[in-house]
PDB file of N, CA and C in Angstrom:
ATOM      1  N   MET A   1      -6.852  13.894  -6.103  1.00  0.00           N
ATOM      2  CA  MET A   1      -6.122  13.061  -7.025  1.00  0.00           C
ATOM      3  C   MET A   1      -5.957  11.635  -6.485  1.00  0.00           C
ATOM      4  N   LEU A   2      -5.691  11.476  -5.194  1.00  0.00           N
ATOM      5  CA  LEU A   2      -5.487  10.142  -4.634  1.00  0.00           C
ATOM      6  C   LEU A   2      -6.784   9.358  -4.536  1.00  0.00           C
ATOM      7  N   ARG A   3      -7.913  10.024  -4.584  1.00  0.00           N
ATOM      8  CA  ARG A   3      -9.189   9.324  -4.388  1.00  0.00           C
ATOM      9  C   ARG A   3      -9.826   8.874  -5.688  1.00  0.00           C
ATOM     10  N   ARG A   4      -9.278   9.282  -6.815  1.00  0.00           N
ATOM     11  CA  ARG A   4      -9.809   8.839  -8.096  1.00  0.00           C
ATOM     12  C   ARG A   4      -9.329   7.433  -8.397  1.00  0.00           C
ATOM     13  N   ARG A   5     -10.032   6.757  -9.269  1.00  0.00           N
ATOM     14  CA  ARG A   5      -9.565   5.437  -9.700  1.00  0.00           C
ATOM     15  C   ARG A   5      -8.263   5.633 -10.457  1.00  0.00           C
ATOM     16  N   ARG A   6      -7.289   4.888 -10.035  1.00  0.00           N
ATOM     17  CA  ARG A   6      -5.977   5.044 -10.617  1.00  0.00           C
ATOM     18  C   ARG A   6      -5.698   3.964 -11.644  1.00  0.00           C
ATOM     19  N   THR A   7      -4.773   4.264 -12.505  1.00  0.00           N
ATOM     20  CA  THR A   7      -4.324   3.264 -13.449  1.00  0.00           C
ATOM     21  C   THR A   7      -3.041   2.654 -12.905  1.00  0.00           C
ATOM     22  N   VAL A   8      -2.600   1.614 -13.526  1.00  0.00           N
ATOM     23  CA  VAL A   8      -1.408   0.913 -13.073  1.00  0.00           C
ATOM     24  C   VAL A   8      -0.176   1.813 -13.158  1.00  0.00           C
ATOM     25  N   GLU A   9      -0.185   2.755 -14.068  1.00  0.00           N
ATOM     26  CA  GLU A   9       0.968   3.643 -14.240  1.00  0.00           C
ATOM     27  C   GLU A   9       1.236   4.481 -12.985  1.00  0.00           C
ATOM     28  N   ALA A  10       0.238   4.747 -12.203  1.00  0.00           N
ATOM     29  CA  ALA A  10       0.408   5.550 -10.990  1.00  0.00           C
ATOM     30  C   ALA A  10       0.977   4.733  -9.831  1.00  0.00           C
ATOM     31  N   TYR A  11       0.961   3.418  -9.945  1.00  0.00           N
ATOM     32  CA  TYR A  11       1.375   2.549  -8.839  1.00  0.00           C
ATOM     33  C   TYR A  11       2.806   2.833  -8.391  1.00  0.00           C
ATOM     34  N   ASP A  12       3.720   2.954  -9.324  1.00  0.00           N
ATOM     35  CA  ASP A  12       5.122   3.184  -8.962  1.00  0.00           C
ATOM     36  C   ASP A  12       5.295   4.500  -8.209  1.00  0.00           C
ATOM     37  N   HIS A  13       4.543   5.517  -8.602  1.00  0.00           N
ATOM     38  CA  HIS A  13       4.618   6.809  -7.913  1.00  0.00           C
ATOM     39  C   HIS A  13       4.049   6.721  -6.496  1.00  0.00           C
ATOM     40  N   LEU A  14       2.944   6.007  -6.353  1.00  0.00           N
ATOM     41  CA  LEU A  14       2.342   5.836  -5.029  1.00  0.00           C
ATOM     42  C   LEU A  14       3.272   5.056  -4.104  1.00  0.00           C
ATOM     43  N   ILE A  15       3.861   4.002  -4.622  1.00  0.00           N
ATOM     44  CA  ILE A  15       4.777   3.184  -3.819  1.00  0.00           C
ATOM     45  C   ILE A  15       6.037   3.976  -3.485  1.00  0.00           C
ATOM     46  N   GLY A  16       6.519   4.759  -4.430  1.00  0.00           N
ATOM     47  CA  GLY A  16       7.688   5.593  -4.165  1.00  0.00           C
ATOM     48  C   GLY A  16       7.426   6.582  -3.045  1.00  0.00           C
ATOM     49  N   ALA A  17       6.246   7.172  -3.052  1.00  0.00           N
ATOM     50  CA  ALA A  17       5.882   8.113  -1.984  1.00  0.00           C
ATOM     51  C   ALA A  17       5.775   7.387  -0.644  1.00  0.00           C
ATOM     52  N   ALA A  18       5.169   6.219  -0.634  1.00  0.00           N
ATOM     53  CA  ALA A  18       5.038   5.461   0.615  1.00  0.00           C
ATOM     54  C   ALA A  18       6.409   5.041   1.150  1.00  0.00           C
ATOM     55  N   ALA A  19       7.297   4.642   0.266  1.00  0.00           N
ATOM     56  CA  ALA A  19       8.643   4.241   0.693  1.00  0.00           C
ATOM     57  C   ALA A  19       9.398   5.425   1.282  1.00  0.00           C
ATOM     58  N   ARG A  20       9.293   6.569   0.633  1.00  0.00           N
ATOM     59  CA  ARG A  20       9.981   7.771   1.121  1.00  0.00           C
ATOM     60  C   ARG A  20       9.416   8.226   2.459  1.00  0.00           C
ATOM     61  N   ILE A  21       8.107   8.227   2.582  1.00  0.00           N
ATOM     62  CA  ILE A  21       7.456   8.677   3.814  1.00  0.00           C
ATOM     63  C   ILE A  21       7.764   7.718   4.957  1.00  0.00           C
ATOM     64  N   SER A  22       7.725   6.415   4.697  1.00  0.00           N
ATOM     65  CA  SER A  22       7.956   5.441   5.766  1.00  0.00           C
ATOM     66  C   SER A  22       9.417   5.410   6.214  1.00  0.00           C
ATOM     67  N   ALA A  23      10.314   5.909   5.395  1.00  0.00           N
ATOM     68  CA  ALA A  23      11.732   5.959   5.777  1.00  0.00           C
ATOM     69  C   ALA A  23      12.023   7.106   6.735  1.00  0.00           C
ATOM     70  N   SER A  24      11.109   8.054   6.826  1.00  0.00           N
ATOM     71  CA  SER A  24      11.284   9.211   7.698  1.00  0.00           C
ATOM     72  C   SER A  24      10.798   8.879   9.108  1.00  0.00           C
ATOM     73  N   PRO A  25      11.564   9.270  10.135  1.00  0.00           N
ATOM     74  CA  PRO A  25      11.143   8.951  11.512  1.00  0.00           C
ATOM     75  C   PRO A  25       9.824   9.607  11.910  1.00  0.00           C
ATOM     76  N   ASP A  26       9.496  10.745  11.298  1.00  0.00           N
ATOM     77  CA  ASP A  26       8.255  11.438  11.652  1.00  0.00           C
ATOM     78  C   ASP A  26       7.261  11.474  10.491  1.00  0.00           C
ATOM     79  N   LEU A  27       7.395  10.517   9.565  1.00  0.00           N
ATOM     80  CA  LEU A  27       6.528  10.460   8.371  1.00  0.00           C
ATOM     81  C   LEU A  27       6.559  11.780   7.601  1.00  0.00           C
ATOM     82  N   GLU A  28       7.736  12.382   7.546  1.00  0.00           N
ATOM     83  CA  GLU A  28       7.966  13.654   6.850  1.00  0.00           C
ATOM     84  C   GLU A  28       7.071  14.772   7.371  1.00  0.00           C
ATOM     85  N   GLY A  29       6.579  14.643   8.573  1.00  0.00           N
ATOM     86  CA  GLY A  29       5.737  15.675   9.160  1.00  0.00           C
ATOM     87  C   GLY A  29       4.340  15.750   8.566  1.00  0.00           C
ATOM     88  N   LEU A  30       3.953  14.746   7.793  1.00  0.00           N
ATOM     89  CA  LEU A  30       2.633  14.746   7.152  1.00  0.00           C
ATOM     90  C   LEU A  30       1.553  14.361   8.151  1.00  0.00           C
ATOM     91  N   ARG A  31       0.351  14.845   7.887  1.00  0.00           N
ATOM     92  CA  ARG A  31      -0.778  14.475   8.735  1.00  0.00           C
ATOM     93  C   ARG A  31      -1.094  12.996   8.529  1.00  0.00           C
ATOM     94  N   LEU A  32      -1.532  12.344   9.598  1.00  0.00           N
ATOM     95  CA  LEU A  32      -1.845  10.923   9.522  1.00  0.00           C
ATOM     96  C   LEU A  32      -2.977  10.648   8.539  1.00  0.00           C
ATOM     97  N   LYS A  33      -3.900  11.574   8.392  1.00  0.00           N
ATOM     98  CA  LYS A  33      -4.998  11.406   7.437  1.00  0.00           C
ATOM     99  C   LYS A  33      -4.462  11.306   6.011  1.00  0.00           C
ATOM    100  N   PHE A  34      -3.416  12.096   5.696  1.00  0.00           N
ATOM    101  CA  PHE A  34      -2.817  12.019   4.364  1.00  0.00           C
ATOM    102  C   PHE A  34      -2.162  10.661   4.156  1.00  0.00           C
ATOM    103  N   VAL A  35      -1.446  10.173   5.157  1.00  0.00           N
ATOM    104  CA  VAL A  35      -0.786   8.870   5.051  1.00  0.00           C
ATOM    105  C   VAL A  35      -1.843   7.766   4.923  1.00  0.00           C
ATOM    106  N   TRP A  36      -2.948   7.891   5.636  1.00  0.00           N
ATOM    107  CA  TRP A  36      -4.048   6.931   5.517  1.00  0.00           C
ATOM    108  C   TRP A  36      -4.598   6.943   4.087  1.00  0.00           C
ATOM    109  N   THR A  37      -4.793   8.136   3.534  1.00  0.00           N
ATOM    110  CA  THR A  37      -5.313   8.263   2.174  1.00  0.00           C
ATOM    111  C   THR A  37      -4.353   7.654   1.166  1.00  0.00           C
ATOM    112  N   LEU A  38      -3.057   7.862   1.366  1.00  0.00           N
ATOM    113  CA  LEU A  38      -2.059   7.259   0.481  1.00  0.00           C
ATOM    114  C   LEU A  38      -2.115   5.737   0.568  1.00  0.00           C
ATOM    115  N   ALA A  39      -2.178   5.201   1.775  1.00  0.00           N
ATOM    116  CA  ALA A  39      -2.259   3.743   1.946  1.00  0.00           C
ATOM    117  C   ALA A  39      -3.531   3.194   1.303  1.00  0.00           C
ATOM    118  N   ASP A  40      -4.629   3.925   1.414  1.00  0.00           N
ATOM    119  CA  ASP A  40      -5.877   3.485   0.812  1.00  0.00           C
ATOM    120  C   ASP A  40      -5.814   3.554  -0.714  1.00  0.00           C
ATOM    121  N   ALA A  41      -5.114   4.538  -1.244  1.00  0.00           N
ATOM    122  CA  ALA A  41      -4.937   4.635  -2.698  1.00  0.00           C
ATOM    123  C   ALA A  41      -4.120   3.445  -3.208  1.00  0.00           C
ATOM    124  N   ILE A  42      -3.108   3.060  -2.463  1.00  0.00           N
ATOM    125  CA  ILE A  42      -2.299   1.898  -2.850  1.00  0.00           C
ATOM    126  C   ILE A  42      -3.139   0.632  -2.769  1.00  0.00           C
ATOM    127  N   ARG A  43      -3.948   0.517  -1.715  1.00  0.00           N
ATOM    128  CA  ARG A  43      -4.847  -0.635  -1.596  1.00  0.00           C
ATOM    129  C   ARG A  43      -5.806  -0.708  -2.781  1.00  0.00           C
ATOM    130  N   GLY A  44      -6.399   0.424  -3.128  1.00  0.00           N
ATOM    131  CA  GLY A  44      -7.351   0.448  -4.234  1.00  0.00           C
ATOM    132  C   GLY A  44      -6.711   0.098  -5.563  1.00  0.00           C
ATOM    133  N   THR A  45      -5.527   0.621  -5.794  1.00  0.00           N
ATOM    134  CA  THR A  45      -4.829   0.338  -7.042  1.00  0.00           C
ATOM    135  C   THR A  45      -4.418  -1.131  -7.112  1.00  0.00           C
ATOM    136  N   THR A  46      -3.929  -1.663  -6.007  1.00  0.00           N
ATOM    137  CA  THR A  46      -3.507  -3.066  -5.977  1.00  0.00           C
ATOM    138  C   THR A  46      -4.707  -3.986  -6.164  1.00  0.00           C
ATOM    139  N   LYS A  47      -5.808  -3.655  -5.519  1.00  0.00           N
ATOM    140  CA  LYS A  47      -7.024  -4.466  -5.662  1.00  0.00           C
ATOM    141  C   LYS A  47      -7.522  -4.428  -7.101  1.00  0.00           C
ATOM    142  N   TRP A  48      -7.559  -3.234  -7.678  1.00  0.00           N
ATOM    143  CA  TRP A  48      -8.030  -3.091  -9.053  1.00  0.00           C
ATOM    144  C   TRP A  48      -7.147  -3.880 -10.014  1.00  0.00           C
ATOM    145  N   ALA A  49      -5.847  -3.892  -9.763  1.00  0.00           N
ATOM    146  CA  ALA A  49      -4.907  -4.576 -10.651  1.00  0.00           C
ATOM    147  C   ALA A  49      -4.921  -6.087 -10.459  1.00  0.00           C
ATOM    148  N   THR A  50      -5.538  -6.567  -9.399  1.00  0.00           N
ATOM    149  CA  THR A  50      -5.506  -7.995  -9.071  1.00  0.00           C
ATOM    150  C   THR A  50      -6.866  -8.665  -9.234  1.00  0.00           C
ATOM    151  N   GLU A  51      -7.919  -7.963  -8.819  1.00  0.00           N
ATOM    152  CA  GLU A  51      -9.248  -8.555  -8.794  1.00  0.00           C
ATOM    153  C   GLU A  51      -9.842  -8.646 -10.198  1.00  0.00           C
ATOM    154  N   TYR A  52     -10.598  -9.692 -10.442  1.00  0.00           N
ATOM    155  CA  TYR A  52     -11.337  -9.887 -11.692  1.00  0.00           C
ATOM    156  C   TYR A  52     -10.432  -9.930 -12.917  1.00  0.00           C
ATOM    157  N   THR A  53      -9.252 -10.483 -12.754  1.00  0.00           N
ATOM    158  CA  THR A  53      -8.363 -10.643 -13.889  1.00  0.00           C
ATOM    159  C   THR A  53      -7.580 -11.942 -13.703  1.00  0.00           C
ATOM    160  N   ALA A  54      -7.344 -12.648 -14.791  1.00  0.00           N
ATOM    161  CA  ALA A  54      -6.614 -13.911 -14.695  1.00  0.00           C
ATOM    162  C   ALA A  54      -5.152 -13.666 -14.343  1.00  0.00           C
ATOM    163  N   GLU A  55      -4.583 -12.626 -14.916  1.00  0.00           N
ATOM    164  CA  GLU A  55      -3.186 -12.282 -14.653  1.00  0.00           C
ATOM    165  C   GLU A  55      -3.137 -10.870 -14.066  1.00  0.00           C
ATOM    166  N   PRO A  56      -2.393 -10.655 -12.992  1.00  0.00           N
ATOM    167  CA  PRO A  56      -2.325  -9.311 -12.401  1.00  0.00           C
ATOM    168  C   PRO A  56      -1.823  -8.277 -13.405  1.00  0.00           C
ATOM    169  N   ARG A  57      -2.344  -7.080 -13.294  1.00  0.00           N
ATOM    170  CA  ARG A  57      -1.943  -6.003 -14.199  1.00  0.00           C
ATOM    171  C   ARG A  57      -0.616  -5.368 -13.785  1.00  0.00           C
ATOM    172  N   LEU A  58      -0.096  -5.768 -12.643  1.00  0.00           N
ATOM    173  CA  LEU A  58       1.192  -5.272 -12.160  1.00  0.00           C
ATOM    174  C   LEU A  58       2.245  -6.358 -12.343  1.00  0.00           C
ATOM    175  N   LYS A  59       3.461  -5.939 -12.613  1.00  0.00           N
ATOM    176  CA  LYS A  59       4.559  -6.884 -12.774  1.00  0.00           C
ATOM    177  C   LYS A  59       5.034  -7.358 -11.400  1.00  0.00           C
ATOM    178  N   GLU A  60       5.705  -8.497 -11.395  1.00  0.00           N
ATOM    179  CA  GLU A  60       6.173  -9.073 -10.135  1.00  0.00           C
ATOM    180  C   GLU A  60       7.136  -8.130  -9.413  1.00  0.00           C
ATOM    181  N   ALA A  61       8.019  -7.468 -10.143  1.00  0.00           N
ATOM    182  CA  ALA A  61       8.977  -6.544  -9.517  1.00  0.00           C
ATOM    183  C   ALA A  61       8.253  -5.372  -8.859  1.00  0.00           C
ATOM    184  N   GLN A  62       7.199  -4.880  -9.500  1.00  0.00           N
ATOM    185  CA  GLN A  62       6.404  -3.796  -8.906  1.00  0.00           C
ATOM    186  C   GLN A  62       5.755  -4.268  -7.616  1.00  0.00           C
ATOM    187  N   LEU A  63       5.211  -5.461  -7.635  1.00  0.00           N
ATOM    188  CA  LEU A  63       4.538  -5.985  -6.458  1.00  0.00           C
ATOM    189  C   LEU A  63       5.509  -6.207  -5.307  1.00  0.00           C
ATOM    190  N   ARG A  64       6.697  -6.684  -5.617  1.00  0.00           N
ATOM    191  CA  ARG A  64       7.697  -6.894  -4.559  1.00  0.00           C
ATOM    192  C   ARG A  64       8.135  -5.559  -3.952  1.00  0.00           C
ATOM    193  N   ALA A  65       8.325  -4.555  -4.791  1.00  0.00           N
ATOM    194  CA  ALA A  65       8.677  -3.218  -4.281  1.00  0.00           C
ATOM    195  C   ALA A  65       7.532  -2.655  -3.448  1.00  0.00           C
ATOM    196  N   GLY A  66       6.311  -2.867  -3.910  1.00  0.00           N
ATOM    197  CA  GLY A  66       5.151  -2.402  -3.168  1.00  0.00           C
ATOM    198  C   GLY A  66       5.007  -3.094  -1.832  1.00  0.00           C
ATOM    199  N   LYS A  67       5.269  -4.386  -1.807  1.00  0.00           N
ATOM    200  CA  LYS A  67       5.167  -5.127  -0.554  1.00  0.00           C
ATOM    201  C   LYS A  67       6.199  -4.630   0.449  1.00  0.00           C
ATOM    202  N   ALA A  68       7.412  -4.394  -0.005  1.00  0.00           N
ATOM    203  CA  ALA A  68       8.466  -3.908   0.890  1.00  0.00           C
ATOM    204  C   ALA A  68       8.108  -2.532   1.458  1.00  0.00           C
ATOM    205  N   ALA A  69       7.604  -1.647   0.613  1.00  0.00           N
ATOM    206  CA  ALA A  69       7.240  -0.301   1.066  1.00  0.00           C
ATOM    207  C   ALA A  69       6.065  -0.339   2.038  1.00  0.00           C
ATOM    208  N   MET A  70       5.067  -1.178   1.751  1.00  0.00           N
ATOM    209  CA  MET A  70       3.898  -1.235   2.618  1.00  0.00           C
ATOM    210  C   MET A  70       4.220  -1.926   3.949  1.00  0.00           C
ATOM    211  N   GLU A  71       5.106  -2.900   3.938  1.00  0.00           N
ATOM    212  CA  GLU A  71       5.518  -3.515   5.200  1.00  0.00           C
ATOM    213  C   GLU A  71       6.267  -2.512   6.068  1.00  0.00           C
ATOM    214  N   ARG A  72       7.121  -1.705   5.437  1.00  0.00           N
ATOM    215  CA  ARG A  72       7.855  -0.678   6.182  1.00  0.00           C
ATOM    216  C   ARG A  72       6.886   0.361   6.753  1.00  0.00           C
ATOM    217  N   LEU A  73       5.876   0.734   5.968  1.00  0.00           N
ATOM    218  CA  LEU A  73       4.877   1.687   6.450  1.00  0.00           C
ATOM    219  C   LEU A  73       4.049   1.059   7.571  1.00  0.00           C
ATOM    220  N   TYR A  74       3.640  -0.176   7.403  1.00  0.00           N
ATOM    221  CA  TYR A  74       2.822  -0.878   8.398  1.00  0.00           C
ATOM    222  C   TYR A  74       3.545  -0.980   9.738  1.00  0.00           C
ATOM    223  N   ASP A  75       4.860  -1.198   9.692  1.00  0.00           N
ATOM    224  CA  ASP A  75       5.656  -1.372  10.909  1.00  0.00           C
ATOM    225  C   ASP A  75       6.182  -0.068  11.495  1.00  0.00           C
ATOM    226  N   HIS A  76       5.907   1.060  10.863  1.00  0.00           N
ATOM    227  CA  HIS A  76       6.408   2.354  11.350  1.00  0.00           C
ATOM    228  C   HIS A  76       5.795   2.657  12.728  1.00  0.00           C
ATOM    229  N   PRO A  77       6.596   3.150  13.686  1.00  0.00           N
ATOM    230  CA  PRO A  77       6.078   3.417  15.035  1.00  0.00           C
ATOM    231  C   PRO A  77       4.915   4.409  15.079  1.00  0.00           C
ATOM    232  N   MET A  78       4.944   5.436  14.238  1.00  0.00           N
ATOM    233  CA  MET A  78       3.831   6.396  14.244  1.00  0.00           C
ATOM    234  C   MET A  78       2.555   5.780  13.673  1.00  0.00           C
ATOM    235  N   VAL A  79       2.708   4.887  12.713  1.00  0.00           N
ATOM    236  CA  VAL A  79       1.548   4.191  12.149  1.00  0.00           C
ATOM    237  C   VAL A  79       0.971   3.242  13.194  1.00  0.00           C
ATOM    238  N   ALA A  80       1.858   2.576  13.931  1.00  0.00           N
ATOM    239  CA  ALA A  80       1.398   1.668  14.983  1.00  0.00           C
ATOM    240  C   ALA A  80       0.655   2.425  16.082  1.00  0.00           C
ATOM    241  N   ALA A  81       1.046   3.667  16.320  1.00  0.00           N
ATOM    242  CA  ALA A  81       0.404   4.473  17.360  1.00  0.00           C
ATOM    243  C   ALA A  81      -0.910   5.090  16.896  1.00  0.00           C
ATOM    244  N   ASP A  82      -1.183   5.050  15.595  1.00  0.00           N
ATOM    245  CA  ASP A  82      -2.433   5.600  15.066  1.00  0.00           C
ATOM    246  C   ASP A  82      -3.570   4.647  15.391  1.00  0.00           C
ATOM    247  N   SER A  83      -4.544   5.114  16.152  1.00  0.00           N
ATOM    248  CA  SER A  83      -5.700   4.313  16.572  1.00  0.00           C
ATOM    249  C   SER A  83      -5.286   2.998  17.230  1.00  0.00           C
ATOM    250  N   PRO A  84      -4.545   3.067  18.342  1.00  0.00           N
ATOM    251  CA  PRO A  84      -4.093   1.825  18.980  1.00  0.00           C
ATOM    252  C   PRO A  84      -5.230   0.955  19.502  1.00  0.00           C
ATOM    253  N   ASP A  85      -6.373   1.552  19.817  1.00  0.00           N
ATOM    254  CA  ASP A  85      -7.508   0.772  20.310  1.00  0.00           C
ATOM    255  C   ASP A  85      -8.237   0.038  19.186  1.00  0.00           C
ATOM    256  N   ALA A  86      -8.146   0.551  17.957  1.00  0.00           N
ATOM    257  CA  ALA A  86      -8.774  -0.089  16.796  1.00  0.00           C
ATOM    258  C   ALA A  86      -7.850   0.084  15.592  1.00  0.00           C
ATOM    259  N   PRO A  87      -6.787  -0.729  15.502  1.00  0.00           N
ATOM    260  CA  PRO A  87      -5.785  -0.540  14.452  1.00  0.00           C
ATOM    261  C   PRO A  87      -6.338  -0.607  13.030  1.00  0.00           C
ATOM    262  N   GLU A  88      -7.402  -1.363  12.822  1.00  0.00           N
ATOM    263  CA  GLU A  88      -7.973  -1.470  11.478  1.00  0.00           C
ATOM    264  C   GLU A  88      -8.629  -0.169  11.011  1.00  0.00           C
ATOM    265  N   LYS A  89      -8.917   0.725  11.939  1.00  0.00           N
ATOM    266  CA  LYS A  89      -9.494   2.010  11.565  1.00  0.00           C
ATOM    267  C   LYS A  89      -8.419   3.043  11.286  1.00  0.00           C
ATOM    268  N   GLY A  90      -7.194   2.753  11.703  1.00  0.00           N
ATOM    269  CA  GLY A  90      -6.081   3.654  11.456  1.00  0.00           C
ATOM    270  C   GLY A  90      -5.405   3.313  10.140  1.00  0.00           C
ATOM    271  N   ILE A  91      -4.179   3.751   9.993  1.00  0.00           N
ATOM    272  CA  ILE A  91      -3.422   3.539   8.763  1.00  0.00           C
ATOM    273  C   ILE A  91      -3.160   2.059   8.518  1.00  0.00           C
ATOM    274  N   ARG A  92      -3.065   1.288   9.589  1.00  0.00           N
ATOM    275  CA  ARG A  92      -2.807  -0.145   9.424  1.00  0.00           C
ATOM    276  C   ARG A  92      -3.939  -0.870   8.707  1.00  0.00           C
ATOM    277  N   GLY A  93      -5.134  -0.321   8.713  1.00  0.00           N
ATOM    278  CA  GLY A  93      -6.253  -0.952   8.012  1.00  0.00           C
ATOM    279  C   GLY A  93      -5.998  -1.052   6.515  1.00  0.00           C
ATOM    280  N   PRO A  94      -5.911   0.095   5.808  1.00  0.00           N
ATOM    281  CA  PRO A  94      -5.675   0.000   4.369  1.00  0.00           C
ATOM    282  C   PRO A  94      -4.293  -0.554   4.027  1.00  0.00           C
ATOM    283  N   ALA A  95      -3.296  -0.313   4.877  1.00  0.00           N
ATOM    284  CA  ALA A  95      -1.965  -0.857   4.611  1.00  0.00           C
ATOM    285  C   ALA A  95      -1.994  -2.388   4.670  1.00  0.00           C
ATOM    286  N   GLY A  96      -2.681  -2.940   5.647  1.00  0.00           N
ATOM    287  CA  GLY A  96      -2.797  -4.388   5.768  1.00  0.00           C
ATOM    288  C   GLY A  96      -3.581  -4.998   4.622  1.00  0.00           C
ATOM    289  N   ARG A  97      -4.653  -4.332   4.206  1.00  0.00           N
ATOM    290  CA  ARG A  97      -5.436  -4.837   3.076  1.00  0.00           C
ATOM    291  C   ARG A  97      -4.635  -4.752   1.776  1.00  0.00           C
ATOM    292  N   ALA A  98      -3.806  -3.721   1.627  1.00  0.00           N
ATOM    293  CA  ALA A  98      -2.933  -3.629   0.447  1.00  0.00           C
ATOM    294  C   ALA A  98      -1.944  -4.789   0.426  1.00  0.00           C
ATOM    295  N   LEU A  99      -1.433  -5.134   1.599  1.00  0.00           N
ATOM    296  CA  LEU A  99      -0.510  -6.272   1.680  1.00  0.00           C
ATOM    297  C   LEU A  99      -1.207  -7.585   1.319  1.00  0.00           C
ATOM    298  N   LYS A 100      -2.465  -7.746   1.715  1.00  0.00           N
ATOM    299  CA  LYS A 100      -3.206  -8.963   1.376  1.00  0.00           C
ATOM    300  C   LYS A 100      -3.410  -9.081  -0.135  1.00  0.00           C
ATOM    301  N   TRP A 101      -3.775  -7.962  -0.783  1.00  0.00           N
ATOM    302  CA  TRP A 101      -3.963  -7.988  -2.233  1.00  0.00           C
ATOM    303  C   TRP A 101      -2.639  -8.218  -2.951  1.00  0.00           C
ATOM    304  N   THR A 102      -1.565  -7.666  -2.409  1.00  0.00           N
ATOM    305  CA  THR A 102      -0.240  -7.883  -2.998  1.00  0.00           C
ATOM    306  C   THR A 102       0.139  -9.352  -2.897  1.00  0.00           C
ATOM    307  N   ASP A 103      -0.128  -9.969  -1.759  1.00  0.00           N
ATOM    308  CA  ASP A 103       0.165 -11.394  -1.604  1.00  0.00           C
ATOM    309  C   ASP A 103      -0.636 -12.242  -2.578  1.00  0.00           C
ATOM    310  N   LYS A 104      -1.910 -11.873  -2.822  1.00  0.00           N
ATOM    311  CA  LYS A 104      -2.724 -12.613  -3.787  1.00  0.00           C
ATOM    312  C   LYS A 104      -2.126 -12.523  -5.174  1.00  0.00           C
ATOM    313  N   ALA A 105      -1.665 -11.322  -5.544  1.00  0.00           N
ATOM    314  CA  ALA A 105      -1.060 -11.151  -6.867  1.00  0.00           C
ATOM    315  C   ALA A 105       0.270 -11.893  -6.967  1.00  0.00           C
ATOM    316  N   LEU A 106       1.070 -11.850  -5.902  1.00  0.00           N
ATOM    317  CA  LEU A 106       2.347 -12.567  -5.916  1.00  0.00           C
ATOM    318  C   LEU A 106       2.151 -14.082  -5.966  1.00  0.00           C
ATOM    319  N   ALA A 107       1.039 -14.553  -5.419  1.00  0.00           N
ATOM    320  CA  ALA A 107       0.740 -15.992  -5.470  1.00  0.00           C
ATOM    321  C   ALA A 107       0.561 -16.441  -6.921  1.00  0.00           C
ATOM    322  N   TYR A 108       0.028 -15.574  -7.768  1.00  0.00           N
ATOM    323  CA  TYR A 108      -0.101 -15.895  -9.188  1.00  0.00           C
ATOM    324  C   TYR A 108       1.276 -16.130  -9.796  1.00  0.00           C
ATOM    325  N   TYR A 109       2.227 -15.235  -9.499  1.00  0.00           N
ATOM    326  CA  TYR A 109       3.566 -15.370 -10.072  1.00  0.00           C
ATOM    327  C   TYR A 109       4.317 -16.560  -9.483  1.00  0.00           C
ATOM    328  N   ALA A 110       3.973 -16.991  -8.294  1.00  0.00           N
ATOM    329  CA  ALA A 110       4.603 -18.171  -7.700  1.00  0.00           C
ATOM    330  C   ALA A 110       4.204 -19.444  -8.447  1.00  0.00           C
ATOM    331  N   LYS A 111       2.980 -19.447  -8.993  1.00  0.00           N
ATOM    332  CA  LYS A 111       2.488 -20.597  -9.739  1.00  0.00           C
ATOM    333  C   LYS A 111       3.112 -20.692 -11.122  1.00  0.00           C
ATOM    334  N   VAL A 112       3.410 -19.535 -11.704  1.00  0.00           N
ATOM    335  CA  VAL A 112       3.874 -19.496 -13.091  1.00  0.00           C
ATOM    336  C   VAL A 112       5.311 -19.900 -13.206  1.00  0.00           C
TER     337      VAL A 112
END
């Protein structure tokens, strides 16, 4: 389910899951591969909602909530410990790219 192309309606659910998981000291006991897949799903959805469109398909409030959740996930100690020799291959890779796409979308709303 997380690997299929998602619609914008799934974004709030994905961000809610990331926020809940990142609030847990042990990532709710989930495998790091699952957390990586979730971060990549958020990256894909954010990219799809931002790329090749004049106006982002996500609302500003959604993007701000997503940015807060992804920053919390990115800064989580267990995420930081995932692939310390090559952080871009660990969870920080898709989480960081999701943050970049979120910033691009938020830049649109800053202009408006």
